[in-house]
Amino acid sequence: MNLAEEIKKHNGVMRRNSQDRARYRNVCAECEGVDCFAPYELRSRQLRYMVGTAVICVSIVLARWRCILCGRRFTDYPNFRTAV
């Protein structure tokens, strides 16, 4: 699967309601609770990637979650997004 297809699939599963939403993290970084997250909000961000010599700019949906054990909120980033 190429990156454009992966982004399209990611955006589709992020727009699902509540617990059906895709999640890339299973353990809370604060309290180390496992699978204890409730959906919090969705954010839209721009992602740039290279195809040959062209820069492609697309919008991706990022999910924010809240740990039901400690209350910490975090943004869950997909595996294809790399830090710059």
N, C-alpha and C. Protein backbone atom coordinates (compact mmCIF):
# COMPACT_ATOMS: atom_id res chain seq x y z
N MET A 1 0.86 -1.18 0.00
CA MET A 1 0.00 0.00 0.00
C MET A 1 0.90 1.24 0.00
N ASN A 2 0.63 2.17 -0.91
CA ASN A 2 1.45 3.37 -0.95
C ASN A 2 0.97 4.38 0.11
N LEU A 3 1.74 5.43 0.30
CA LEU A 3 1.45 6.39 1.37
C LEU A 3 0.12 7.10 1.17
N ALA A 4 -0.22 7.47 -0.06
CA ALA A 4 -1.50 8.15 -0.32
C ALA A 4 -2.68 7.27 0.08
N GLU A 5 -2.61 5.98 -0.22
CA GLU A 5 -3.68 5.06 0.17
C GLU A 5 -3.73 4.88 1.67
N GLU A 6 -2.58 4.83 2.31
CA GLU A 6 -2.51 4.68 3.76
C GLU A 6 -3.12 5.90 4.46
N ILE A 7 -2.86 7.10 3.94
CA ILE A 7 -3.42 8.33 4.51
C ILE A 7 -4.94 8.34 4.35
N LYS A 8 -5.42 7.95 3.18
CA LYS A 8 -6.86 7.91 2.92
C LYS A 8 -7.55 6.92 3.87
N LYS A 9 -6.95 5.75 4.05
CA LYS A 9 -7.49 4.74 4.97
C LYS A 9 -7.48 5.27 6.40
N HIS A 10 -6.37 5.91 6.80
CA HIS A 10 -6.25 6.48 8.15
C HIS A 10 -7.35 7.50 8.41
N ASN A 11 -7.56 8.44 7.47
CA ASN A 11 -8.59 9.46 7.66
C ASN A 11 -9.98 8.85 7.77
N GLY A 12 -10.23 7.78 7.03
CA GLY A 12 -11.53 7.11 7.11
C GLY A 12 -11.80 6.50 8.48
N VAL A 13 -10.82 5.83 9.05
CA VAL A 13 -11.03 5.20 10.37
C VAL A 13 -10.98 6.22 11.50
N MET A 14 -10.35 7.36 11.31
CA MET A 14 -10.33 8.39 12.35
C MET A 14 -11.68 9.08 12.48
N ARG A 15 -12.44 9.14 11.42
CA ARG A 15 -13.73 9.84 11.47
C ARG A 15 -14.85 8.98 12.04
N ARG A 16 -14.54 7.74 12.39
CA ARG A 16 -15.55 6.89 13.02
C ARG A 16 -15.89 7.42 14.41
N ASN A 17 -17.06 7.08 14.87
CA ASN A 17 -17.51 7.55 16.18
C ASN A 17 -16.89 6.74 17.32
N SER A 18 -16.58 7.40 18.37
CA SER A 18 -16.12 6.90 19.67
C SER A 18 -15.11 5.77 19.61
N GLN A 19 -15.38 4.66 20.27
CA GLN A 19 -14.39 3.61 20.47
C GLN A 19 -14.03 2.86 19.18
N ASP A 20 -14.80 3.03 18.11
CA ASP A 20 -14.49 2.38 16.84
C ASP A 20 -13.32 3.06 16.13
N ARG A 21 -12.93 4.21 16.62
CA ARG A 21 -11.84 4.98 16.02
C ARG A 21 -10.52 4.22 16.18
N ALA A 22 -9.68 4.29 15.16
CA ALA A 22 -8.37 3.61 15.21
C ALA A 22 -7.49 4.27 16.27
N ARG A 23 -6.68 3.44 16.93
CA ARG A 23 -5.76 3.94 17.94
C ARG A 23 -4.42 3.27 17.73
N TYR A 24 -3.33 4.04 17.79
CA TYR A 24 -1.99 3.52 17.57
C TYR A 24 -1.25 3.24 18.87
N ARG A 25 -1.75 3.74 19.97
CA ARG A 25 -1.11 3.56 21.28
C ARG A 25 -2.05 2.75 22.16
N ASN A 26 -1.51 1.82 22.92
CA ASN A 26 -2.33 0.99 23.81
C ASN A 26 -2.03 1.20 25.28
N VAL A 27 -0.89 1.85 25.60
CA VAL A 27 -0.48 2.02 26.99
C VAL A 27 -0.35 3.52 27.29
N CYS A 28 -0.90 3.94 28.42
CA CYS A 28 -0.80 5.33 28.84
C CYS A 28 0.63 5.63 29.28
N ALA A 29 1.18 6.73 28.81
CA ALA A 29 2.55 7.11 29.15
C ALA A 29 2.66 7.61 30.59
N GLU A 30 1.56 8.04 31.17
CA GLU A 30 1.57 8.58 32.54
C GLU A 30 1.41 7.48 33.59
N CYS A 31 0.32 6.72 33.50
CA CYS A 31 0.02 5.73 34.55
C CYS A 31 0.26 4.29 34.10
N GLU A 32 0.62 4.10 32.83
CA GLU A 32 0.89 2.79 32.24
C GLU A 32 -0.32 1.87 32.22
N GLY A 33 -1.51 2.46 32.26
CA GLY A 33 -2.73 1.68 32.11
C GLY A 33 -2.85 1.16 30.68
N VAL A 34 -3.44 -0.01 30.51
CA VAL A 34 -3.55 -0.64 29.20
C VAL A 34 -4.98 -0.54 28.69
N ASP A 35 -5.14 -0.07 27.44
CA ASP A 35 -6.45 0.05 26.78
C ASP A 35 -7.48 0.76 27.66
N CYS A 36 -7.11 1.89 28.22
CA CYS A 36 -7.98 2.62 29.13
C CYS A 36 -8.29 4.02 28.59
N PHE A 37 -8.52 4.15 27.28
CA PHE A 37 -8.68 5.45 26.66
C PHE A 37 -10.11 5.71 26.20
N ALA A 38 -10.52 6.95 26.37
CA ALA A 38 -11.81 7.41 25.87
C ALA A 38 -11.55 8.48 24.82
N PRO A 39 -12.33 8.52 23.74
CA PRO A 39 -12.13 9.55 22.71
C PRO A 39 -12.32 10.94 23.31
N TYR A 40 -11.49 11.88 22.89
CA TYR A 40 -11.56 13.24 23.43
C TYR A 40 -11.93 14.24 22.34
N GLU A 41 -11.17 14.32 21.26
CA GLU A 41 -11.48 15.22 20.15
C GLU A 41 -10.70 14.82 18.91
N LEU A 42 -11.03 15.45 17.79
CA LEU A 42 -10.30 15.24 16.54
C LEU A 42 -9.65 16.55 16.12
N ARG A 43 -8.47 16.45 15.54
CA ARG A 43 -7.75 17.61 15.02
C ARG A 43 -7.37 17.34 13.58
N SER A 44 -7.35 18.39 12.80
CA SER A 44 -6.91 18.29 11.41
C SER A 44 -5.54 18.95 11.30
N ARG A 45 -4.61 18.27 10.67
CA ARG A 45 -3.26 18.80 10.48
C ARG A 45 -2.80 18.57 9.05
N GLN A 46 -1.88 19.40 8.61
CA GLN A 46 -1.31 19.26 7.27
C GLN A 46 -0.10 18.33 7.32
N LEU A 47 0.01 17.48 6.32
CA LEU A 47 1.13 16.56 6.21
C LEU A 47 1.74 16.74 4.83
N ARG A 48 3.04 16.85 4.79
CA ARG A 48 3.75 16.96 3.52
C ARG A 48 4.61 15.73 3.32
N TYR A 49 4.59 15.21 2.08
CA TYR A 49 5.46 14.09 1.77
C TYR A 49 5.93 14.21 0.33
N MET A 50 7.01 13.51 0.04
CA MET A 50 7.64 13.59 -1.28
C MET A 50 7.20 12.42 -2.17
N VAL A 51 6.92 12.74 -3.43
CA VAL A 51 6.71 11.74 -4.47
C VAL A 51 7.62 12.15 -5.60
N GLY A 52 8.72 11.44 -5.73
CA GLY A 52 9.73 11.85 -6.71
C GLY A 52 10.33 13.17 -6.29
N THR A 53 10.15 14.20 -7.12
CA THR A 53 10.66 15.53 -6.78
C THR A 53 9.54 16.48 -6.38
N ALA A 54 8.31 15.98 -6.31
CA ALA A 54 7.16 16.81 -5.95
C ALA A 54 6.84 16.69 -4.46
N VAL A 55 6.43 17.79 -3.86
CA VAL A 55 5.99 17.79 -2.47
C VAL A 55 4.46 17.78 -2.47
N ILE A 56 3.88 16.77 -1.85
CA ILE A 56 2.43 16.63 -1.77
C ILE A 56 1.98 17.08 -0.39
N CYS A 57 0.97 17.93 -0.34
CA CYS A 57 0.44 18.43 0.93
C CYS A 57 -1.00 17.93 1.07
N VAL A 58 -1.27 17.17 2.13
CA VAL A 58 -2.61 16.64 2.39
C VAL A 58 -3.00 16.93 3.83
N SER A 59 -4.28 16.89 4.08
CA SER A 59 -4.80 17.08 5.42
C SER A 59 -5.05 15.71 6.04
N ILE A 60 -4.59 15.52 7.28
CA ILE A 60 -4.86 14.27 7.99
C ILE A 60 -5.62 14.59 9.27
N VAL A 61 -6.36 13.61 9.74
CA VAL A 61 -7.13 13.74 10.97
C VAL A 61 -6.36 13.02 12.08
N LEU A 62 -6.13 13.73 13.18
CA LEU A 62 -5.45 13.15 14.34
C LEU A 62 -6.44 13.06 15.50
N ALA A 63 -6.45 11.93 16.16
CA ALA A 63 -7.35 11.72 17.29
C ALA A 63 -6.65 12.10 18.59
N ARG A 64 -7.43 12.71 19.49
CA ARG A 64 -6.95 12.97 20.85
C ARG A 64 -7.75 12.05 21.76
N TRP A 65 -7.05 11.50 22.74
CA TRP A 65 -7.64 10.55 23.67
C TRP A 65 -7.42 11.02 25.10
N ARG A 66 -8.26 10.53 26.00
CA ARG A 66 -8.11 10.82 27.43
C ARG A 66 -8.03 9.49 28.16
N CYS A 67 -7.04 9.35 29.03
CA CYS A 67 -6.91 8.15 29.85
C CYS A 67 -7.98 8.20 30.93
N ILE A 68 -8.78 7.16 31.03
CA ILE A 68 -9.86 7.17 32.02
C ILE A 68 -9.34 6.89 33.43
N LEU A 69 -8.09 6.46 33.56
CA LEU A 69 -7.52 6.19 34.88
C LEU A 69 -6.87 7.43 35.50
N CYS A 70 -6.07 8.16 34.72
CA CYS A 70 -5.34 9.30 35.29
C CYS A 70 -5.78 10.65 34.71
N GLY A 71 -6.56 10.66 33.62
CA GLY A 71 -7.06 11.90 33.05
C GLY A 71 -6.14 12.56 32.04
N ARG A 72 -4.97 11.99 31.79
CA ARG A 72 -4.04 12.59 30.83
C ARG A 72 -4.63 12.57 29.43
N ARG A 73 -4.43 13.67 28.69
CA ARG A 73 -4.89 13.77 27.31
C ARG A 73 -3.67 13.77 26.40
N PHE A 74 -3.81 13.11 25.24
CA PHE A 74 -2.70 13.05 24.31
C PHE A 74 -3.20 12.92 22.89
N THR A 75 -2.36 13.31 21.96
CA THR A 75 -2.64 13.15 20.53
C THR A 75 -1.97 11.86 20.08
N ASP A 76 -2.72 11.05 19.38
CA ASP A 76 -2.23 9.77 18.89
C ASP A 76 -1.82 9.93 17.42
N TYR A 77 -0.53 9.75 17.14
CA TYR A 77 -0.01 9.94 15.80
C TYR A 77 0.09 8.62 15.05
N PRO A 78 -0.25 8.62 13.77
CA PRO A 78 -0.15 7.39 12.98
C PRO A 78 1.29 6.98 12.75
N ASN A 79 1.48 5.72 12.42
CA ASN A 79 2.82 5.18 12.22
C ASN A 79 3.53 5.79 11.03
N PHE A 80 2.80 6.25 10.02
CA PHE A 80 3.44 6.81 8.83
C PHE A 80 3.92 8.23 9.02
N ARG A 81 3.52 8.89 10.09
CA ARG A 81 3.97 10.26 10.35
C ARG A 81 5.30 10.20 11.11
N THR A 82 6.31 10.78 10.54
CA THR A 82 7.62 10.80 11.19
C THR A 82 7.93 12.20 11.72
N ALA A 83 8.71 12.24 12.75
CA ALA A 83 9.11 13.53 13.33
C ALA A 83 10.10 14.22 12.40
N VAL A 84 10.06 15.56 12.41
CA VAL A 84 11.00 16.33 11.59
C VAL A 84 12.07 16.95 12.45
